[in-house]
Amino acid sequence: MKEIPPFKLIPQPLNDEAASLPGFKWASPVIGTRHRLGGKPEFIQGDETPRCSCGDVMTFYAQLDSVSPEFNLADGGMIYVFVCFGCFETKAILQSS
């Protein structure tokens, strides 16, 4: 299984609507900042690395964090995206805080 080198993803609003989204008042300060590409996933509830339908363990591609109270993923959760570089099947997993 390949591992993609880690990159910090820093969201930048692309319009006024995105720039005006409120931050989290009730959550830990890290919620909304855990976006990343590559490296190892920062699972909230434990390792759920999937297998591809070909049987190979899939490569972690990215994790996307909740972005605001309005676009909150399962109580401050994250989406994890995986890919198989053998057949380019993808899977996404959602975990909540």
PDB file of N, CA and C in Angstrom:
ATOM      1  N   MET A   1       0.842  -1.179   0.000  1.00  0.00           N
ATOM      2  CA  MET A   1       0.000   0.000   0.000  1.00  0.00           C
ATOM      3  C   MET A   1       0.890   1.246   0.000  1.00  0.00           C
ATOM      4  N   LYS A   2       0.625   2.152  -0.913  1.00  0.00           N
ATOM      5  CA  LYS A   2       1.349   3.418  -0.967  1.00  0.00           C
ATOM      6  C   LYS A   2       0.852   4.343   0.137  1.00  0.00           C
ATOM      7  N   GLU A   3       1.726   5.219   0.614  1.00  0.00           N
ATOM      8  CA  GLU A   3       1.293   6.283   1.512  1.00  0.00           C
ATOM      9  C   GLU A   3       1.626   7.613   0.861  1.00  0.00           C
ATOM     10  N   ILE A   4       0.644   8.461   0.748  1.00  0.00           N
ATOM     11  CA  ILE A   4       0.841   9.791   0.190  1.00  0.00           C
ATOM     12  C   ILE A   4       1.523  10.650   1.249  1.00  0.00           C
ATOM     13  N   PRO A   5       2.559  11.417   0.881  1.00  0.00           N
ATOM     14  CA  PRO A   5       3.171  12.306   1.871  1.00  0.00           C
ATOM     15  C   PRO A   5       2.121  13.276   2.423  1.00  0.00           C
ATOM     16  N   PRO A   6       2.224  13.649   3.705  1.00  0.00           N
ATOM     17  CA  PRO A   6       1.190  14.484   4.317  1.00  0.00           C
ATOM     18  C   PRO A   6       1.279  15.964   3.924  1.00  0.00           C
ATOM     19  N   PHE A   7       0.106  16.552   3.723  1.00  0.00           N
ATOM     20  CA  PHE A   7      -0.036  17.980   3.451  1.00  0.00           C
ATOM     21  C   PHE A   7      -1.134  18.521   4.347  1.00  0.00           C
ATOM     22  N   LYS A   8      -0.915  19.668   4.953  1.00  0.00           N
ATOM     23  CA  LYS A   8      -1.958  20.367   5.706  1.00  0.00           C
ATOM     24  C   LYS A   8      -2.817  21.110   4.701  1.00  0.00           C
ATOM     25  N   LEU A   9      -4.123  20.933   4.774  1.00  0.00           N
ATOM     26  CA  LEU A   9      -5.043  21.673   3.912  1.00  0.00           C
ATOM     27  C   LEU A   9      -5.634  22.813   4.719  1.00  0.00           C
ATOM     28  N   ILE A  10      -5.493  24.013   4.215  1.00  0.00           N
ATOM     29  CA  ILE A  10      -6.001  25.185   4.913  1.00  0.00           C
ATOM     30  C   ILE A  10      -7.103  25.790   4.055  1.00  0.00           C
ATOM     31  N   PRO A  11      -8.358  25.661   4.509  1.00  0.00           N
ATOM     32  CA  PRO A  11      -9.462  26.184   3.698  1.00  0.00           C
ATOM     33  C   PRO A  11      -9.423  27.710   3.623  1.00  0.00           C
ATOM     34  N   GLN A  12      -9.646  28.220   2.427  1.00  0.00           N
ATOM     35  CA  GLN A  12      -9.739  29.658   2.212  1.00  0.00           C
ATOM     36  C   GLN A  12     -11.085  29.942   1.561  1.00  0.00           C
ATOM     37  N   PRO A  13     -11.890  30.816   2.147  1.00  0.00           N
ATOM     38  CA  PRO A  13     -13.187  31.132   1.557  1.00  0.00           C
ATOM     39  C   PRO A  13     -13.022  31.670   0.135  1.00  0.00           C
ATOM     40  N   LEU A  14     -13.880  31.212  -0.763  1.00  0.00           N
ATOM     41  CA  LEU A  14     -13.817  31.654  -2.152  1.00  0.00           C
ATOM     42  C   LEU A  14     -14.889  32.684  -2.492  1.00  0.00           C
ATOM     43  N   ASN A  15     -15.774  32.952  -1.534  1.00  0.00           N
ATOM     44  CA  ASN A  15     -16.765  34.007  -1.764  1.00  0.00           C
ATOM     45  C   ASN A  15     -17.217  34.563  -0.411  1.00  0.00           C
ATOM     46  N   ASP A  16     -18.044  35.601  -0.462  1.00  0.00           N
ATOM     47  CA  ASP A  16     -18.492  36.261   0.768  1.00  0.00           C
ATOM     48  C   ASP A  16     -19.326  35.342   1.651  1.00  0.00           C
ATOM     49  N   GLU A  17     -20.137  34.485   1.030  1.00  0.00           N
ATOM     50  CA  GLU A  17     -20.961  33.559   1.814  1.00  0.00           C
ATOM     51  C   GLU A  17     -20.079  32.633   2.653  1.00  0.00           C
ATOM     52  N   ALA A  18     -19.037  32.089   2.042  1.00  0.00           N
ATOM     53  CA  ALA A  18     -18.118  31.210   2.775  1.00  0.00           C
ATOM     54  C   ALA A  18     -17.372  31.982   3.859  1.00  0.00           C
ATOM     55  N   ALA A  19     -16.963  33.198   3.556  1.00  0.00           N
ATOM     56  CA  ALA A  19     -16.219  34.011   4.526  1.00  0.00           C
ATOM     57  C   ALA A  19     -17.071  34.393   5.726  1.00  0.00           C
ATOM     58  N   SER A  20     -18.392  34.433   5.550  1.00  0.00           N
ATOM     59  CA  SER A  20     -19.264  34.867   6.643  1.00  0.00           C
ATOM     60  C   SER A  20     -19.764  33.723   7.520  1.00  0.00           C
ATOM     61  N   LEU A  21     -19.378  32.479   7.224  1.00  0.00           N
ATOM     62  CA  LEU A  21     -19.814  31.365   8.061  1.00  0.00           C
ATOM     63  C   LEU A  21     -19.269  31.531   9.478  1.00  0.00           C
ATOM     64  N   PRO A  22     -20.109  31.333  10.485  1.00  0.00           N
ATOM     65  CA  PRO A  22     -19.635  31.483  11.866  1.00  0.00           C
ATOM     66  C   PRO A  22     -18.752  30.311  12.278  1.00  0.00           C
ATOM     67  N   GLY A  23     -17.895  30.560  13.238  1.00  0.00           N
ATOM     68  CA  GLY A  23     -17.066  29.498  13.793  1.00  0.00           C
ATOM     69  C   GLY A  23     -17.836  28.708  14.844  1.00  0.00           C
ATOM     70  N   PHE A  24     -17.198  27.692  15.369  1.00  0.00           N
ATOM     71  CA  PHE A  24     -17.814  26.870  16.410  1.00  0.00           C
ATOM     72  C   PHE A  24     -17.648  27.551  17.767  1.00  0.00           C
ATOM     73  N   LYS A  25     -18.728  27.680  18.512  1.00  0.00           N
ATOM     74  CA  LYS A  25     -18.665  28.245  19.854  1.00  0.00           C
ATOM     75  C   LYS A  25     -18.625  27.155  20.911  1.00  0.00           C
ATOM     76  N   TRP A  26     -19.184  25.992  20.613  1.00  0.00           N
ATOM     77  CA  TRP A  26     -19.358  24.914  21.581  1.00  0.00           C
ATOM     78  C   TRP A  26     -18.291  23.831  21.470  1.00  0.00           C
ATOM     79  N   ALA A  27     -17.455  23.902  20.440  1.00  0.00           N
ATOM     80  CA  ALA A  27     -16.531  22.795  20.154  1.00  0.00           C
ATOM     81  C   ALA A  27     -15.088  23.162  20.483  1.00  0.00           C
ATOM     82  N   SER A  28     -14.273  22.141  20.535  1.00  0.00           N
ATOM     83  CA  SER A  28     -12.834  22.315  20.714  1.00  0.00           C
ATOM     84  C   SER A  28     -12.281  23.199  19.594  1.00  0.00           C
ATOM     85  N   PRO A  29     -11.266  23.998  19.887  1.00  0.00           N
ATOM     86  CA  PRO A  29     -10.697  24.882  18.858  1.00  0.00           C
ATOM     87  C   PRO A  29     -10.117  24.141  17.645  1.00  0.00           C
ATOM     88  N   VAL A  30      -9.813  22.856  17.777  1.00  0.00           N
ATOM     89  CA  VAL A  30      -9.238  22.127  16.637  1.00  0.00           C
ATOM     90  C   VAL A  30     -10.290  21.747  15.594  1.00  0.00           C
ATOM     91  N   ILE A  31     -11.569  21.711  15.993  1.00  0.00           N
ATOM     92  CA  ILE A  31     -12.608  21.339  15.037  1.00  0.00           C
ATOM     93  C   ILE A  31     -12.694  22.419  13.963  1.00  0.00           C
ATOM     94  N   GLY A  32     -12.637  21.978  12.732  1.00  0.00           N
ATOM     95  CA  GLY A  32     -12.620  22.883  11.592  1.00  0.00           C
ATOM     96  C   GLY A  32     -11.225  23.123  11.045  1.00  0.00           C
ATOM     97  N   THR A  33     -10.193  22.571  11.726  1.00  0.00           N
ATOM     98  CA  THR A  33      -8.800  22.784  11.289  1.00  0.00           C
ATOM     99  C   THR A  33      -8.078  21.482  10.942  1.00  0.00           C
ATOM    100  N   ARG A  34      -8.781  20.350  10.978  1.00  0.00           N
ATOM    101  CA  ARG A  34      -8.114  19.045  10.834  1.00  0.00           C
ATOM    102  C   ARG A  34      -8.096  18.521   9.398  1.00  0.00           C
ATOM    103  N   HIS A  35      -8.315  19.383   8.414  1.00  0.00           N
ATOM    104  CA  HIS A  35      -8.273  18.966   7.012  1.00  0.00           C
ATOM    105  C   HIS A  35      -6.838  18.557   6.660  1.00  0.00           C
ATOM    106  N   ARG A  36      -6.694  17.482   5.883  1.00  0.00           N
ATOM    107  CA  ARG A  36      -5.346  17.085   5.452  1.00  0.00           C
ATOM    108  C   ARG A  36      -5.430  16.211   4.216  1.00  0.00           C
ATOM    109  N   LEU A  37      -4.338  16.175   3.505  1.00  0.00           N
ATOM    110  CA  LEU A  37      -4.168  15.316   2.338  1.00  0.00           C
ATOM    111  C   LEU A  37      -2.980  14.421   2.629  1.00  0.00           C
ATOM    112  N   GLY A  38      -3.170  13.127   2.480  1.00  0.00           N
ATOM    113  CA  GLY A  38      -2.081  12.175   2.667  1.00  0.00           C
ATOM    114  C   GLY A  38      -1.698  11.958   4.118  1.00  0.00           C
ATOM    115  N   GLY A  39      -0.591  11.279   4.292  1.00  0.00           N
ATOM    116  CA  GLY A  39      -0.148  10.912   5.635  1.00  0.00           C
ATOM    117  C   GLY A  39      -1.014   9.797   6.192  1.00  0.00           C
ATOM    118  N   LYS A  40      -1.276   9.871   7.476  1.00  0.00           N
ATOM    119  CA  LYS A  40      -2.127   8.882   8.150  1.00  0.00           C
ATOM    120  C   LYS A  40      -3.397   9.574   8.638  1.00  0.00           C
ATOM    121  N   PRO A  41      -4.532   8.911   8.524  1.00  0.00           N
ATOM    122  CA  PRO A  41      -5.768   9.532   9.003  1.00  0.00           C
ATOM    123  C   PRO A  41      -5.765   9.698  10.515  1.00  0.00           C
ATOM    124  N   GLU A  42      -6.368  10.776  10.969  1.00  0.00           N
ATOM    125  CA  GLU A  42      -6.533  11.022  12.404  1.00  0.00           C
ATOM    126  C   GLU A  42      -7.940  10.565  12.780  1.00  0.00           C
ATOM    127  N   PHE A  43      -8.115   9.245  12.852  1.00  0.00           N
ATOM    128  CA  PHE A  43      -9.430   8.695  13.140  1.00  0.00           C
ATOM    129  C   PHE A  43      -9.928   9.177  14.499  1.00  0.00           C
ATOM    130  N   ILE A  44     -11.198   9.506  14.558  1.00  0.00           N
ATOM    131  CA  ILE A  44     -11.837   9.933  15.800  1.00  0.00           C
ATOM    132  C   ILE A  44     -12.258   8.718  16.618  1.00  0.00           C
ATOM    133  N   GLN A  45     -12.807   7.708  15.963  1.00  0.00           N
ATOM    134  CA  GLN A  45     -13.381   6.560  16.663  1.00  0.00           C
ATOM    135  C   GLN A  45     -12.586   5.271  16.498  1.00  0.00           C
ATOM    136  N   GLY A  46     -11.454   5.315  15.878  1.00  0.00           N
ATOM    137  CA  GLY A  46     -10.668   4.105  15.670  1.00  0.00           C
ATOM    138  C   GLY A  46     -10.495   3.798  14.189  1.00  0.00           C
ATOM    139  N   ASP A  47      -9.502   2.996  13.892  1.00  0.00           N
ATOM    140  CA  ASP A  47      -9.120   2.680  12.516  1.00  0.00           C
ATOM    141  C   ASP A  47     -10.243   1.970  11.771  1.00  0.00           C
ATOM    142  N   GLU A  48     -10.636   2.533  10.647  1.00  0.00           N
ATOM    143  CA  GLU A  48     -11.635   1.920   9.770  1.00  0.00           C
ATOM    144  C   GLU A  48     -11.105   1.869   8.335  1.00  0.00           C
ATOM    145  N   THR A  49      -9.795   1.689   8.177  1.00  0.00           N
ATOM    146  CA  THR A  49      -9.223   1.647   6.836  1.00  0.00           C
ATOM    147  C   THR A  49      -9.887   0.528   6.037  1.00  0.00           C
ATOM    148  N   PRO A  50     -10.510   0.886   4.895  1.00  0.00           N
ATOM    149  CA  PRO A  50     -11.251  -0.127   4.134  1.00  0.00           C
ATOM    150  C   PRO A  50     -10.363  -0.934   3.196  1.00  0.00           C
ATOM    151  N   ARG A  51     -10.931  -2.033   2.731  1.00  0.00           N
ATOM    152  CA  ARG A  51     -10.323  -2.833   1.664  1.00  0.00           C
ATOM    153  C   ARG A  51     -11.110  -2.564   0.391  1.00  0.00           C
ATOM    154  N   CYS A  52     -10.400  -2.572  -0.705  1.00  0.00           N
ATOM    155  CA  CYS A  52     -11.001  -2.414  -2.022  1.00  0.00           C
ATOM    156  C   CYS A  52     -11.733  -3.708  -2.394  1.00  0.00           C
ATOM    157  N   SER A  53     -12.607  -3.647  -3.394  1.00  0.00           N
ATOM    158  CA  SER A  53     -13.288  -4.857  -3.844  1.00  0.00           C
ATOM    159  C   SER A  53     -12.304  -5.851  -4.453  1.00  0.00           C
ATOM    160  N   CYS A  54     -11.083  -5.371  -4.836  1.00  0.00           N
ATOM    161  CA  CYS A  54     -10.046  -6.280  -5.339  1.00  0.00           C
ATOM    162  C   CYS A  54      -9.317  -6.990  -4.200  1.00  0.00           C
ATOM    163  N   GLY A  55      -9.582  -6.558  -2.944  1.00  0.00           N
ATOM    164  CA  GLY A  55      -8.981  -7.184  -1.774  1.00  0.00           C
ATOM    165  C   GLY A  55      -7.830  -6.407  -1.161  1.00  0.00           C
ATOM    166  N   ASP A  56      -7.289  -5.424  -1.874  1.00  0.00           N
ATOM    167  CA  ASP A  56      -6.171  -4.639  -1.352  1.00  0.00           C
ATOM    168  C   ASP A  56      -6.640  -3.655  -0.279  1.00  0.00           C
ATOM    169  N   VAL A  57      -5.753  -3.372   0.678  1.00  0.00           N
ATOM    170  CA  VAL A  57      -6.010  -2.309   1.650  1.00  0.00           C
ATOM    171  C   VAL A  57      -5.932  -0.991   0.890  1.00  0.00           C
ATOM    172  N   MET A  58      -6.899  -0.123   1.118  1.00  0.00           N
ATOM    173  CA  MET A  58      -6.944   1.139   0.389  1.00  0.00           C
ATOM    174  C   MET A  58      -6.005   2.165   1.006  1.00  0.00           C
ATOM    175  N   THR A  59      -5.554   3.104   0.189  1.00  0.00           N
ATOM    176  CA  THR A  59      -4.648   4.174   0.605  1.00  0.00           C
ATOM    177  C   THR A  59      -5.454   5.363   1.100  1.00  0.00           C
ATOM    178  N   PHE A  60      -5.067   5.887   2.258  1.00  0.00           N
ATOM    179  CA  PHE A  60      -5.693   7.103   2.769  1.00  0.00           C
ATOM    180  C   PHE A  60      -5.340   8.251   1.838  1.00  0.00           C
ATOM    181  N   TYR A  61      -6.356   8.984   1.388  1.00  0.00           N
ATOM    182  CA  TYR A  61      -6.136  10.105   0.472  1.00  0.00           C
ATOM    183  C   TYR A  61      -6.297  11.451   1.181  1.00  0.00           C
ATOM    184  N   ALA A  62      -7.400  11.629   1.938  1.00  0.00           N
ATOM    185  CA  ALA A  62      -7.642  12.921   2.589  1.00  0.00           C
ATOM    186  C   ALA A  62      -8.663  12.777   3.705  1.00  0.00           C
ATOM    187  N   GLN A  63      -8.661  13.777   4.590  1.00  0.00           N
ATOM    188  CA  GLN A  63      -9.724  13.897   5.576  1.00  0.00           C
ATOM    189  C   GLN A  63     -10.240  15.324   5.519  1.00  0.00           C
ATOM    190  N   LEU A  64     -11.561  15.441   5.632  1.00  0.00           N
ATOM    191  CA  LEU A  64     -12.229  16.736   5.573  1.00  0.00           C
ATOM    192  C   LEU A  64     -13.015  16.932   6.852  1.00  0.00           C
ATOM    193  N   ASP A  65     -12.767  18.046   7.487  1.00  0.00           N
ATOM    194  CA  ASP A  65     -13.344  18.348   8.793  1.00  0.00           C
ATOM    195  C   ASP A  65     -14.670  19.087   8.637  1.00  0.00           C
ATOM    196  N   SER A  66     -15.445  19.146   9.703  1.00  0.00           N
ATOM    197  CA  SER A  66     -16.614  20.015   9.756  1.00  0.00           C
ATOM    198  C   SER A  66     -16.131  21.444   9.522  1.00  0.00           C
ATOM    199  N   VAL A  67     -16.976  22.287   8.894  1.00  0.00           N
ATOM    200  CA  VAL A  67     -16.509  23.638   8.582  1.00  0.00           C
ATOM    201  C   VAL A  67     -17.215  24.746   9.365  1.00  0.00           C
ATOM    202  N   SER A  68     -18.404  24.473   9.863  1.00  0.00           N
ATOM    203  CA  SER A  68     -19.138  25.473  10.638  1.00  0.00           C
ATOM    204  C   SER A  68     -20.313  24.771  11.314  1.00  0.00           C
ATOM    205  N   PRO A  69     -20.971  25.435  12.246  1.00  0.00           N
ATOM    206  CA  PRO A  69     -22.153  24.807  12.849  1.00  0.00           C
ATOM    207  C   PRO A  69     -23.213  24.430  11.816  1.00  0.00           C
ATOM    208  N   GLU A  70     -23.338  25.220  10.761  1.00  0.00           N
ATOM    209  CA  GLU A  70     -24.320  24.927   9.717  1.00  0.00           C
ATOM    210  C   GLU A  70     -23.925  23.702   8.886  1.00  0.00           C
ATOM    211  N   PHE A  71     -22.637  23.500   8.690  1.00  0.00           N
ATOM    212  CA  PHE A  71     -22.122  22.372   7.901  1.00  0.00           C
ATOM    213  C   PHE A  71     -21.288  21.463   8.797  1.00  0.00           C
ATOM    214  N   ASN A  72     -21.922  21.047   9.866  1.00  0.00           N
ATOM    215  CA  ASN A  72     -21.309  20.221  10.893  1.00  0.00           C
ATOM    216  C   ASN A  72     -21.505  18.748  10.528  1.00  0.00           C
ATOM    217  N   LEU A  73     -20.447  17.991  10.522  1.00  0.00           N
ATOM    218  CA  LEU A  73     -20.498  16.565  10.179  1.00  0.00           C
ATOM    219  C   LEU A  73     -20.606  15.730  11.453  1.00  0.00           C
ATOM    220  N   ALA A  74     -21.804  15.312  11.766  1.00  0.00           N
ATOM    221  CA  ALA A  74     -22.015  14.368  12.873  1.00  0.00           C
ATOM    222  C   ALA A  74     -21.339  14.833  14.163  1.00  0.00           C
ATOM    223  N   ASP A  75     -21.711  16.026  14.633  1.00  0.00           N
ATOM    224  CA  ASP A  75     -21.236  16.533  15.920  1.00  0.00           C
ATOM    225  C   ASP A  75     -19.729  16.756  15.947  1.00  0.00           C
ATOM    226  N   GLY A  76     -19.226  17.483  14.963  1.00  0.00           N
ATOM    227  CA  GLY A  76     -17.793  17.778  14.914  1.00  0.00           C
ATOM    228  C   GLY A  76     -16.972  16.657  14.323  1.00  0.00           C
ATOM    229  N   GLY A  77     -17.566  15.892  13.445  1.00  0.00           N
ATOM    230  CA  GLY A  77     -16.878  14.749  12.850  1.00  0.00           C
ATOM    231  C   GLY A  77     -16.105  15.084  11.589  1.00  0.00           C
ATOM    232  N   MET A  78     -15.611  14.025  10.952  1.00  0.00           N
ATOM    233  CA  MET A  78     -14.814  14.172   9.734  1.00  0.00           C
ATOM    234  C   MET A  78     -15.164  13.086   8.726  1.00  0.00           C
ATOM    235  N   ILE A  79     -14.903  13.399   7.459  1.00  0.00           N
ATOM    236  CA  ILE A  79     -15.007  12.441   6.361  1.00  0.00           C
ATOM    237  C   ILE A  79     -13.588  12.024   5.981  1.00  0.00           C
ATOM    238  N   TYR A  80     -13.376  10.735   5.831  1.00  0.00           N
ATOM    239  CA  TYR A  80     -12.087  10.179   5.429  1.00  0.00           C
ATOM    240  C   TYR A  80     -12.261   9.562   4.040  1.00  0.00           C
ATOM    241  N   VAL A  81     -11.361   9.886   3.129  1.00  0.00           N
ATOM    242  CA  VAL A  81     -11.447   9.400   1.755  1.00  0.00           C
ATOM    243  C   VAL A  81     -10.264   8.471   1.491  1.00  0.00           C
ATOM    244  N   PHE A  82     -10.556   7.317   0.870  1.00  0.00           N
ATOM    245  CA  PHE A  82      -9.544   6.308   0.555  1.00  0.00           C
ATOM    246  C   PHE A  82      -9.613   5.972  -0.926  1.00  0.00           C
ATOM    247  N   VAL A  83      -8.484   5.556  -1.489  1.00  0.00           N
ATOM    248  CA  VAL A  83      -8.426   5.170  -2.902  1.00  0.00           C
ATOM    249  C   VAL A  83      -7.568   3.914  -3.047  1.00  0.00           C
ATOM    250  N   CYS A  84      -7.922   3.091  -4.015  1.00  0.00           N
ATOM    251  CA  CYS A  84      -7.087   1.956  -4.401  1.00  0.00           C
ATOM    252  C   CYS A  84      -6.361   2.382  -5.670  1.00  0.00           C
ATOM    253  N   PHE A  85      -5.046   2.445  -5.620  1.00  0.00           N
ATOM    254  CA  PHE A  85      -4.281   2.861  -6.791  1.00  0.00           C
ATOM    255  C   PHE A  85      -4.149   1.745  -7.824  1.00  0.00           C
ATOM    256  N   GLY A  86      -4.625   0.544  -7.489  1.00  0.00           N
ATOM    257  CA  GLY A  86      -4.630  -0.547  -8.452  1.00  0.00           C
ATOM    258  C   GLY A  86      -5.808  -0.457  -9.414  1.00  0.00           C
ATOM    259  N   CYS A  87      -6.989  -0.110  -8.871  1.00  0.00           N
ATOM    260  CA  CYS A  87      -8.188  -0.067  -9.729  1.00  0.00           C
ATOM    261  C   CYS A  87      -8.961   1.239  -9.605  1.00  0.00           C
ATOM    262  N   PHE A  88      -8.455   2.172  -8.815  1.00  0.00           N
ATOM    263  CA  PHE A  88      -9.035   3.506  -8.652  1.00  0.00           C
ATOM    264  C   PHE A  88     -10.466   3.496  -8.121  1.00  0.00           C
ATOM    265  N   GLU A  89     -10.757   2.515  -7.284  1.00  0.00           N
ATOM    266  CA  GLU A  89     -11.998   2.525  -6.525  1.00  0.00           C
ATOM    267  C   GLU A  89     -11.788   3.456  -5.338  1.00  0.00           C
ATOM    268  N   THR A  90     -12.829   4.177  -4.949  1.00  0.00           N
ATOM    269  CA  THR A  90     -12.742   5.065  -3.794  1.00  0.00           C
ATOM    270  C   THR A  90     -13.819   4.699  -2.776  1.00  0.00           C
ATOM    271  N   LYS A  91     -13.539   5.042  -1.526  1.00  0.00           N
ATOM    272  CA  LYS A  91     -14.523   4.870  -0.442  1.00  0.00           C
ATOM    273  C   LYS A  91     -14.356   6.035   0.521  1.00  0.00           C
ATOM    274  N   ALA A  92     -15.468   6.437   1.105  1.00  0.00           N
ATOM    275  CA  ALA A  92     -15.448   7.508   2.118  1.00  0.00           C
ATOM    276  C   ALA A  92     -16.106   6.976   3.390  1.00  0.00           C
ATOM    277  N   ILE A  93     -15.571   7.407   4.526  1.00  0.00           N
ATOM    278  CA  ILE A  93     -16.071   6.993   5.832  1.00  0.00           C
ATOM    279  C   ILE A  93     -16.312   8.246   6.655  1.00  0.00           C
ATOM    280  N   LEU A  94     -17.416   8.284   7.383  1.00  0.00           N
ATOM    281  CA  LEU A  94     -17.724   9.396   8.272  1.00  0.00           C
ATOM    282  C   LEU A  94     -17.623   8.918   9.711  1.00  0.00           C
ATOM    283  N   GLN A  95     -16.887   9.654  10.523  1.00  0.00           N
ATOM    284  CA  GLN A  95     -16.832   9.369  11.955  1.00  0.00           C
ATOM    285  C   GLN A  95     -17.224  10.625  12.716  1.00  0.00           C
ATOM    286  N   SER A  96     -17.865  10.444  13.854  1.00  0.00           N
ATOM    287  CA  SER A  96     -18.297  11.582  14.663  1.00  0.00           C
ATOM    288  C   SER A  96     -17.514  11.653  15.963  1.00  0.00           C
ATOM    289  N   SER A  97     -17.509  12.859  16.529  1.00  0.00           N
ATOM    290  CA  SER A  97     -16.802  13.084  17.800  1.00  0.00           C
ATOM    291  C   SER A  97     -17.595  12.526  18.940  1.00  0.00           C
TER     292      SER A  97
END
